[in-house]
Every structure is written in C-alpha cells, then in structure tokens.
Amino acid sequence: MAVTKTIDSVSLSIEVQKALAKAGDPIYAKKTFSGIKTDATPK
C-alpha cells in the first residue's frame, strides 16, 4: 500500500530567549509565521 503525503498549510515558529527574570529564569518570546508556500522545502 502506497502512502501519499498532502500538505494543507505550512507555518514556521521561532522561540528565542529575550531576557532573564530577576530570579535568573529565562524569558522566551515566540514568533509564528504563516502563509508560507506549501511547496517550500524544509532545509
């Protein structure tokens, strides 16, 4: 039986450390990009 992969939508999420809290714990910021071409190849 063959398997077919169909991509409906693509999004890219990036999470980076933007600061440190007073206790020394990292604070993260997350940015999501949507509307990326469905035929884009992941590299």
C-alpha atoms as a PDB file:
ATOM      1  CA  MET A   1       0.000   0.000   0.000  1.00  0.00           C
ATOM      2  CA  ALA A   2       1.423   3.379  -1.014  1.00  0.00           C
ATOM      3  CA  VAL A   3       1.443   6.388   1.279  1.00  0.00           C
ATOM      4  CA  THR A   4       0.675   9.839  -0.089  1.00  0.00           C
ATOM      5  CA  LYS A   5       1.756  12.992   1.737  1.00  0.00           C
ATOM      6  CA  THR A   6      -0.517  16.017   1.290  1.00  0.00           C
ATOM      7  CA  ILE A   7       0.414  19.390   2.786  1.00  0.00           C
ATOM      8  CA  ASP A   8      -2.544  21.691   3.524  1.00  0.00           C
ATOM      9  CA  SER A   9      -0.730  24.551   5.240  1.00  0.00           C
ATOM     10  CA  VAL A  10       2.731  25.454   6.490  1.00  0.00           C
ATOM     11  CA  SER A  11       3.818  27.642   9.381  1.00  0.00           C
ATOM     12  CA  LEU A  12       7.170  28.423  10.957  1.00  0.00           C
ATOM     13  CA  SER A  13       7.605  29.081  14.679  1.00  0.00           C
ATOM     14  CA  ILE A  14      10.710  30.569  16.265  1.00  0.00           C
ATOM     15  CA  GLU A  15      11.247  30.770  20.019  1.00  0.00           C
ATOM     16  CA  VAL A  16      14.164  32.784  21.414  1.00  0.00           C
ATOM     17  CA  GLN A  17      15.348  33.758  24.849  1.00  0.00           C
ATOM     18  CA  LYS A  18      14.813  37.503  25.154  1.00  0.00           C
ATOM     19  CA  ALA A  19      15.718  38.224  28.781  1.00  0.00           C
ATOM     20  CA  LEU A  20      16.292  36.840  32.244  1.00  0.00           C
ATOM     21  CA  ALA A  21      13.845  37.242  35.116  1.00  0.00           C
ATOM     22  CA  LYS A  22      15.091  38.621  38.438  1.00  0.00           C
ATOM     23  CA  ALA A  23      15.314  35.039  39.741  1.00  0.00           C
ATOM     24  CA  GLY A  24      17.568  34.133  36.811  1.00  0.00           C
ATOM     25  CA  ASP A  25      14.926  32.183  34.899  1.00  0.00           C
ATOM     26  CA  PRO A  26      14.904  32.701  31.117  1.00  0.00           C
ATOM     27  CA  ILE A  27      12.048  34.627  29.482  1.00  0.00           C
ATOM     28  CA  TYR A  28      11.166  33.440  25.982  1.00  0.00           C
ATOM     29  CA  ALA A  29       9.476  35.186  23.052  1.00  0.00           C
ATOM     30  CA  LYS A  30       7.747  33.218  20.294  1.00  0.00           C
ATOM     31  CA  LYS A  31       7.025  34.388  16.750  1.00  0.00           C
ATOM     32  CA  THR A  32       4.961  32.392  14.247  1.00  0.00           C
ATOM     33  CA  PHE A  33       4.972  32.988  10.509  1.00  0.00           C
ATOM     34  CA  SER A  34       2.079  31.627   8.464  1.00  0.00           C
ATOM     35  CA  GLY A  35       1.257  31.722   4.788  1.00  0.00           C
ATOM     36  CA  ILE A  36       4.491  30.013   3.785  1.00  0.00           C
ATOM     37  CA  LYS A  37       4.391  28.351   0.377  1.00  0.00           C
ATOM     38  CA  THR A  38       3.234  24.743   0.659  1.00  0.00           C
ATOM     39  CA  ASP A  39       5.808  23.691  -1.947  1.00  0.00           C
ATOM     40  CA  ALA A  40       8.724  25.127   0.085  1.00  0.00           C
ATOM     41  CA  THR A  41      11.320  22.507   1.011  1.00  0.00           C
ATOM     42  CA  PRO A  42      12.445  22.246   4.648  1.00  0.00           C
ATOM     43  CA  LYS A  43      16.205  22.829   4.979  1.00  0.00           C
END
